[in-house]
Amino acid sequence: MAKIGFSNVFVAKYSENEGTVSYSDGMKLGKAVEVDIQIEASGENNFCADDAVAESDVRFSGGALNHETDDLLPEETSFILGIAKKPLAGNEEAFELVYDDDAAPPYLGWGGVIKKQKNNKLLYRAVVLSKIKYDVPNDSATTEGKTIDWKSTSLSAQIFRDDSEKHAWKREATFATLSEAVAYIKKCLRIVTTVEVK
């Protein structure tokens, strides 16, 4: 089975109350370009008895999410990084994002769709990460020349176990259609209506 595409990234605010995880204010995050999910394990932890390994345990200890979008709009930046939007005097439609001591990146739920092909048939794998926190992204751009040097926005986040009884950190399901995969992500992240970013 070959992976041939990536699309439809969604995020939603994460919260927990006495072991019950919930999500709110979900939104689509730009247009997806690429994703890389790196998982860290605690390492092999063996218990020996009778001069041999009797028990062994390897547990999830964290991970890193790296993905690219076509762009990150100011409203999306404010949402995923916890940056306050401050109005600009004399311009009711404009605001600035101020990166200061009050910036507090929130915990979020994350989802995206990986398109695959198996025996000439398309499949859509919906991946949901239960709890992540974004890092402030770097900025890069290139001056315009005779041809456009297209640049995407690279985002990175830490992956955590959630606060449910079993400490879930990832869930996934594969579907025959894109719409089913997107619906699955929205259901996991409790997105009833997506916040439209303008």
C-alpha atoms as a PDB file:
ATOM      1  CA  MET A   1       0.000   0.000   0.000  1.00  0.00           C
ATOM      2  CA  ALA A   2       1.487   3.366  -1.050  1.00  0.00           C
ATOM      3  CA  LYS A   3       0.870   6.744   0.546  1.00  0.00           C
ATOM      4  CA  ILE A   4       0.054   9.236  -2.182  1.00  0.00           C
ATOM      5  CA  GLY A   5      -1.481  12.278  -0.482  1.00  0.00           C
ATOM      6  CA  PHE A   6      -2.140  14.314   2.654  1.00  0.00           C
ATOM      7  CA  SER A   7      -5.026  16.705   3.328  1.00  0.00           C
ATOM      8  CA  ASN A   8      -7.609  18.156   5.696  1.00  0.00           C
ATOM      9  CA  VAL A   9      -5.797  19.127   8.890  1.00  0.00           C
ATOM     10  CA  PHE A  10      -8.081  20.023  11.781  1.00  0.00           C
ATOM     11  CA  VAL A  11      -7.315  21.244  15.295  1.00  0.00           C
ATOM     12  CA  ALA A  12      -9.514  21.754  18.355  1.00  0.00           C
ATOM     13  CA  LYS A  13      -8.897  23.003  21.884  1.00  0.00           C
ATOM     14  CA  TYR A  14      -8.232  20.197  24.366  1.00  0.00           C
ATOM     15  CA  SER A  15      -9.623  20.111  27.899  1.00  0.00           C
ATOM     16  CA  GLU A  16      -9.960  17.510  30.643  1.00  0.00           C
ATOM     17  CA  ASN A  17     -12.171  17.150  33.689  1.00  0.00           C
ATOM     18  CA  GLU A  18     -11.675  14.238  36.120  1.00  0.00           C
ATOM     19  CA  GLY A  19     -10.381  11.947  33.385  1.00  0.00           C
ATOM     20  CA  THR A  20     -12.925  12.977  30.748  1.00  0.00           C
ATOM     21  CA  VAL A  21     -11.333  14.518  27.663  1.00  0.00           C
ATOM     22  CA  SER A  22     -13.249  16.998  25.531  1.00  0.00           C
ATOM     23  CA  TYR A  23     -12.574  19.302  22.576  1.00  0.00           C
ATOM     24  CA  SER A  24     -14.014  22.644  21.467  1.00  0.00           C
ATOM     25  CA  ASP A  25     -13.708  25.452  18.906  1.00  0.00           C
ATOM     26  CA  GLY A  26     -12.446  23.190  16.122  1.00  0.00           C
ATOM     27  CA  MET A  27     -11.128  24.617  12.874  1.00  0.00           C
ATOM     28  CA  LYS A  28      -9.476  23.561   9.633  1.00  0.00           C
ATOM     29  CA  LEU A  29      -5.826  24.605   9.656  1.00  0.00           C
ATOM     30  CA  GLY A  30      -4.757  25.885   6.247  1.00  0.00           C
ATOM     31  CA  LYS A  31      -4.285  23.521   3.297  1.00  0.00           C
ATOM     32  CA  ALA A  32      -2.097  20.495   4.034  1.00  0.00           C
ATOM     33  CA  VAL A  33       1.215  19.963   2.222  1.00  0.00           C
ATOM     34  CA  GLU A  34       3.197  17.326   4.138  1.00  0.00           C
ATOM     35  CA  VAL A  35       3.260  15.508   7.502  1.00  0.00           C
ATOM     36  CA  ASP A  36       5.792  13.582   9.565  1.00  0.00           C
ATOM     37  CA  ILE A  37       4.866  11.964  12.899  1.00  0.00           C
ATOM     38  CA  GLN A  38       7.796  10.726  14.988  1.00  0.00           C
ATOM     39  CA  ILE A  39       7.073   8.504  17.997  1.00  0.00           C
ATOM     40  CA  GLU A  40       9.330   8.051  21.014  1.00  0.00           C
ATOM     41  CA  ALA A  41       9.220   4.906  23.147  1.00  0.00           C
ATOM     42  CA  SER A  42      10.564   4.475  26.661  1.00  0.00           C
ATOM     43  CA  GLY A  43      13.046   1.875  25.447  1.00  0.00           C
ATOM     44  CA  GLU A  44      13.126  -1.815  26.118  1.00  0.00           C
ATOM     45  CA  ASN A  45      12.455  -2.495  29.818  1.00  0.00           C
ATOM     46  CA  ASN A  46      13.111  -6.160  30.559  1.00  0.00           C
ATOM     47  CA  PHE A  47      12.541  -8.182  33.721  1.00  0.00           C
ATOM     48  CA  CYS A  48      14.744 -11.250  33.986  1.00  0.00           C
ATOM     49  CA  ALA A  49      14.015 -14.451  35.884  1.00  0.00           C
ATOM     50  CA  ASP A  50      15.687 -17.858  35.667  1.00  0.00           C
ATOM     51  CA  ASP A  51      18.505 -16.248  33.686  1.00  0.00           C
ATOM     52  CA  ALA A  52      16.180 -15.145  30.875  1.00  0.00           C
ATOM     53  CA  VAL A  53      13.804 -12.320  29.963  1.00  0.00           C
ATOM     54  CA  ALA A  54      10.508 -13.127  31.673  1.00  0.00           C
ATOM     55  CA  GLU A  55       8.664  -9.845  30.979  1.00  0.00           C
ATOM     56  CA  SER A  56       9.257  -6.936  28.638  1.00  0.00           C
ATOM     57  CA  ASP A  57       7.605  -3.550  28.297  1.00  0.00           C
ATOM     58  CA  VAL A  58       7.951  -0.723  25.768  1.00  0.00           C
ATOM     59  CA  ARG A  59       5.699   2.297  26.289  1.00  0.00           C
ATOM     60  CA  PHE A  60       4.927   5.489  24.411  1.00  0.00           C
ATOM     61  CA  SER A  61       6.804   8.347  26.058  1.00  0.00           C
ATOM     62  CA  GLY A  62       6.168  11.209  23.641  1.00  0.00           C
ATOM     63  CA  GLY A  63       6.563  12.245  20.066  1.00  0.00           C
ATOM     64  CA  ALA A  64       6.918  15.029  17.549  1.00  0.00           C
ATOM     65  CA  LEU A  65       4.466  16.198  14.903  1.00  0.00           C
ATOM     66  CA  ASN A  66       5.880  18.114  11.943  1.00  0.00           C
ATOM     67  CA  HIS A  67       3.626  19.255   9.137  1.00  0.00           C
ATOM     68  CA  GLU A  68       3.385  21.931   6.497  1.00  0.00           C
ATOM     69  CA  THR A  69       0.487  24.074   5.357  1.00  0.00           C
ATOM     70  CA  ASP A  70       0.157  26.417   2.416  1.00  0.00           C
ATOM     71  CA  ASP A  71      -0.079  29.332   4.851  1.00  0.00           C
ATOM     72  CA  LEU A  72      -0.913  30.172   8.448  1.00  0.00           C
ATOM     73  CA  LEU A  73      -3.362  33.041   8.765  1.00  0.00           C
ATOM     74  CA  PRO A  74      -3.233  35.409  11.773  1.00  0.00           C
ATOM     75  CA  GLU A  75      -6.447  33.959  13.258  1.00  0.00           C
ATOM     76  CA  GLU A  76      -4.994  30.442  13.013  1.00  0.00           C
ATOM     77  CA  THR A  77      -1.704  31.585  14.562  1.00  0.00           C
ATOM     78  CA  SER A  78      -3.589  33.150  17.460  1.00  0.00           C
ATOM     79  CA  PHE A  79      -5.592  29.938  17.968  1.00  0.00           C
ATOM     80  CA  ILE A  80      -2.740  27.393  17.954  1.00  0.00           C
ATOM     81  CA  LEU A  81      -0.140  29.517  19.787  1.00  0.00           C
ATOM     82  CA  GLY A  82      -2.326  31.315  22.319  1.00  0.00           C
ATOM     83  CA  ILE A  83      -1.226  34.709  21.003  1.00  0.00           C
ATOM     84  CA  ALA A  84      -3.546  37.587  21.880  1.00  0.00           C
ATOM     85  CA  LYS A  85      -5.031  39.607  19.034  1.00  0.00           C
ATOM     86  CA  LYS A  86      -4.766  43.341  19.741  1.00  0.00           C
ATOM     87  CA  PRO A  87      -6.668  45.938  17.701  1.00  0.00           C
ATOM     88  CA  LEU A  88      -4.719  48.603  15.833  1.00  0.00           C
ATOM     89  CA  ALA A  89      -5.763  52.167  16.577  1.00  0.00           C
ATOM     90  CA  GLY A  90      -7.460  53.855  13.651  1.00  0.00           C
ATOM     91  CA  ASN A  91      -8.111  50.617  11.739  1.00  0.00           C
ATOM     92  CA  GLU A  92     -11.145  48.636  12.867  1.00  0.00           C
ATOM     93  CA  GLU A  93     -10.440  45.706  10.532  1.00  0.00           C
ATOM     94  CA  ALA A  94      -6.771  45.183  11.416  1.00  0.00           C
ATOM     95  CA  PHE A  95      -5.129  43.690  14.493  1.00  0.00           C
ATOM     96  CA  GLU A  96      -1.638  42.699  15.569  1.00  0.00           C
ATOM     97  CA  LEU A  97      -0.301  39.563  17.211  1.00  0.00           C
ATOM     98  CA  VAL A  98       2.034  40.332  20.085  1.00  0.00           C
ATOM     99  CA  TYR A  99       4.440  37.581  21.121  1.00  0.00           C
ATOM    100  CA  ASP A 100       5.124  38.324  24.789  1.00  0.00           C
ATOM    101  CA  ASP A 101       5.043  36.816  28.283  1.00  0.00           C
ATOM    102  CA  ASP A 102       1.264  36.330  28.053  1.00  0.00           C
ATOM    103  CA  ALA A 103       1.554  33.955  25.080  1.00  0.00           C
ATOM    104  CA  ALA A 104       0.397  30.507  26.210  1.00  0.00           C
ATOM    105  CA  PRO A 105       0.189  27.793  23.533  1.00  0.00           C
ATOM    106  CA  PRO A 106      -2.842  25.634  24.413  1.00  0.00           C
ATOM    107  CA  TYR A 107      -3.153  21.883  24.314  1.00  0.00           C
ATOM    108  CA  LEU A 108      -4.994  20.831  21.163  1.00  0.00           C
ATOM    109  CA  GLY A 109      -6.373  17.762  19.464  1.00  0.00           C
ATOM    110  CA  TRP A 110      -5.102  17.285  15.881  1.00  0.00           C
ATOM    111  CA  GLY A 111      -6.326  15.321  12.867  1.00  0.00           C
ATOM    112  CA  GLY A 112      -5.320  14.811   9.246  1.00  0.00           C
ATOM    113  CA  VAL A 113      -6.076  12.510   6.299  1.00  0.00           C
ATOM    114  CA  ILE A 114      -3.439  10.398   4.538  1.00  0.00           C
ATOM    115  CA  LYS A 115      -4.501   9.176   1.084  1.00  0.00           C
ATOM    116  CA  LYS A 116      -3.280   5.711   0.087  1.00  0.00           C
ATOM    117  CA  GLN A 117      -3.552   3.393  -2.877  1.00  0.00           C
ATOM    118  CA  LYS A 118      -3.812  -0.391  -2.675  1.00  0.00           C
ATOM    119  CA  ASN A 119      -4.401  -2.612  -5.724  1.00  0.00           C
ATOM    120  CA  ASN A 120      -5.397   0.447  -7.756  1.00  0.00           C
ATOM    121  CA  LYS A 121      -7.997   1.441  -5.140  1.00  0.00           C
ATOM    122  CA  LEU A 122      -7.916   4.679  -3.137  1.00  0.00           C
ATOM    123  CA  LEU A 123      -8.227   4.585   0.645  1.00  0.00           C
ATOM    124  CA  TYR A 124      -8.271   7.421   3.188  1.00  0.00           C
ATOM    125  CA  ARG A 125      -6.580   6.961   6.561  1.00  0.00           C
ATOM    126  CA  ALA A 126      -7.778   9.435   9.183  1.00  0.00           C
ATOM    127  CA  VAL A 127      -5.208  10.005  11.945  1.00  0.00           C
ATOM    128  CA  VAL A 128      -6.071  11.806  15.185  1.00  0.00           C
ATOM    129  CA  LEU A 129      -3.531  12.822  17.829  1.00  0.00           C
ATOM    130  CA  SER A 130      -5.292  13.224  21.168  1.00  0.00           C
ATOM    131  CA  LYS A 131      -3.110  15.915  22.730  1.00  0.00           C
ATOM    132  CA  ILE A 132      -0.459  18.151  21.181  1.00  0.00           C
ATOM    133  CA  LYS A 133       1.126  21.541  21.776  1.00  0.00           C
ATOM    134  CA  TYR A 134       2.620  23.643  18.961  1.00  0.00           C
ATOM    135  CA  ASP A 135       6.007  25.358  19.031  1.00  0.00           C
ATOM    136  CA  VAL A 136       6.381  28.873  17.645  1.00  0.00           C
ATOM    137  CA  PRO A 137       7.234  28.370  13.942  1.00  0.00           C
ATOM    138  CA  ASN A 138      10.244  29.829  12.172  1.00  0.00           C
ATOM    139  CA  ASP A 139       9.852  32.401   9.404  1.00  0.00           C
ATOM    140  CA  SER A 140      11.465  32.116   5.987  1.00  0.00           C
ATOM    141  CA  ALA A 141      10.849  33.720   2.610  1.00  0.00           C
ATOM    142  CA  THR A 142      12.705  34.332  -0.659  1.00  0.00           C
ATOM    143  CA  THR A 143      12.637  37.468  -2.763  1.00  0.00           C
ATOM    144  CA  GLU A 144      10.590  37.208  -5.947  1.00  0.00           C
ATOM    145  CA  GLY A 145      12.565  36.545  -9.119  1.00  0.00           C
ATOM    146  CA  LYS A 146      11.685  35.555 -12.679  1.00  0.00           C
ATOM    147  CA  THR A 147       9.884  32.503 -11.349  1.00  0.00           C
ATOM    148  CA  ILE A 148       8.084  32.107  -8.035  1.00  0.00           C
ATOM    149  CA  ASP A 149       9.858  30.077  -5.367  1.00  0.00           C
ATOM    150  CA  TRP A 150       6.840  28.651  -3.548  1.00  0.00           C
ATOM    151  CA  LYS A 151       7.196  28.453   0.249  1.00  0.00           C
ATOM    152  CA  SER A 152       4.966  26.598   2.681  1.00  0.00           C
ATOM    153  CA  THR A 153       4.686  27.107   6.444  1.00  0.00           C
ATOM    154  CA  SER A 154       6.352  24.456   8.601  1.00  0.00           C
ATOM    155  CA  LEU A 155       4.775  23.668  11.961  1.00  0.00           C
ATOM    156  CA  SER A 156       6.054  21.459  14.753  1.00  0.00           C
ATOM    157  CA  ALA A 157       4.351  20.222  17.900  1.00  0.00           C
ATOM    158  CA  GLN A 158       4.951  17.892  20.806  1.00  0.00           C
ATOM    159  CA  ILE A 159       2.706  14.828  21.130  1.00  0.00           C
ATOM    160  CA  PHE A 160       1.422  13.801  24.558  1.00  0.00           C
ATOM    161  CA  ARG A 161      -0.727  11.069  26.046  1.00  0.00           C
ATOM    162  CA  ASP A 162      -4.150  12.433  26.972  1.00  0.00           C
ATOM    163  CA  ASP A 163      -5.646  12.439  30.476  1.00  0.00           C
ATOM    164  CA  SER A 164      -8.206   9.690  29.928  1.00  0.00           C
ATOM    165  CA  GLU A 165      -8.073   6.450  31.914  1.00  0.00           C
ATOM    166  CA  LYS A 166      -6.056   4.642  29.225  1.00  0.00           C
ATOM    167  CA  HIS A 167      -3.982   7.719  28.254  1.00  0.00           C
ATOM    168  CA  ALA A 168      -4.695   7.555  24.526  1.00  0.00           C
ATOM    169  CA  TRP A 169      -2.313   9.434  22.280  1.00  0.00           C
ATOM    170  CA  LYS A 170      -3.383   8.416  18.767  1.00  0.00           C
ATOM    171  CA  ARG A 171      -6.365   6.885  17.022  1.00  0.00           C
ATOM    172  CA  GLU A 172      -6.960   6.148  13.360  1.00  0.00           C
ATOM    173  CA  ALA A 173      -9.400   4.581  10.931  1.00  0.00           C
ATOM    174  CA  THR A 174      -9.274   3.910   7.182  1.00  0.00           C
ATOM    175  CA  PHE A 175     -12.208   4.635   4.882  1.00  0.00           C
ATOM    176  CA  ALA A 176     -13.204   4.246   1.244  1.00  0.00           C
ATOM    177  CA  THR A 177     -14.006   7.960   0.844  1.00  0.00           C
ATOM    178  CA  LEU A 178     -12.439  11.249   1.885  1.00  0.00           C
ATOM    179  CA  SER A 179     -15.728  12.518   3.302  1.00  0.00           C
ATOM    180  CA  GLU A 180     -15.915   9.556   5.696  1.00  0.00           C
ATOM    181  CA  ALA A 181     -12.344  10.181   6.875  1.00  0.00           C
ATOM    182  CA  VAL A 182     -13.051  13.876   7.484  1.00  0.00           C
ATOM    183  CA  ALA A 183     -16.278  13.013   9.326  1.00  0.00           C
ATOM    184  CA  TYR A 184     -14.311  10.633  11.571  1.00  0.00           C
ATOM    185  CA  ILE A 185     -11.816  13.354  12.491  1.00  0.00           C
ATOM    186  CA  LYS A 186     -14.611  15.826  13.199  1.00  0.00           C
ATOM    187  CA  LYS A 187     -16.353  13.268  15.402  1.00  0.00           C
ATOM    188  CA  CYS A 188     -13.168  12.521  17.371  1.00  0.00           C
ATOM    189  CA  LEU A 189     -12.452  16.227  17.885  1.00  0.00           C
ATOM    190  CA  ARG A 190     -16.122  17.048  18.581  1.00  0.00           C
ATOM    191  CA  ILE A 191     -16.299  19.437  15.638  1.00  0.00           C
ATOM    192  CA  VAL A 192     -19.974  20.020  14.868  1.00  0.00           C
ATOM    193  CA  THR A 193     -19.480  23.109  12.728  1.00  0.00           C
ATOM    194  CA  THR A 194     -15.992  24.143  11.661  1.00  0.00           C
ATOM    195  CA  VAL A 195     -14.920  27.649  12.590  1.00  0.00           C
ATOM    196  CA  GLU A 196     -14.328  29.367   9.265  1.00  0.00           C
ATOM    197  CA  VAL A 197     -11.132  31.426   9.175  1.00  0.00           C
ATOM    198  CA  LYS A 198     -11.310  34.475   6.915  1.00  0.00           C
END
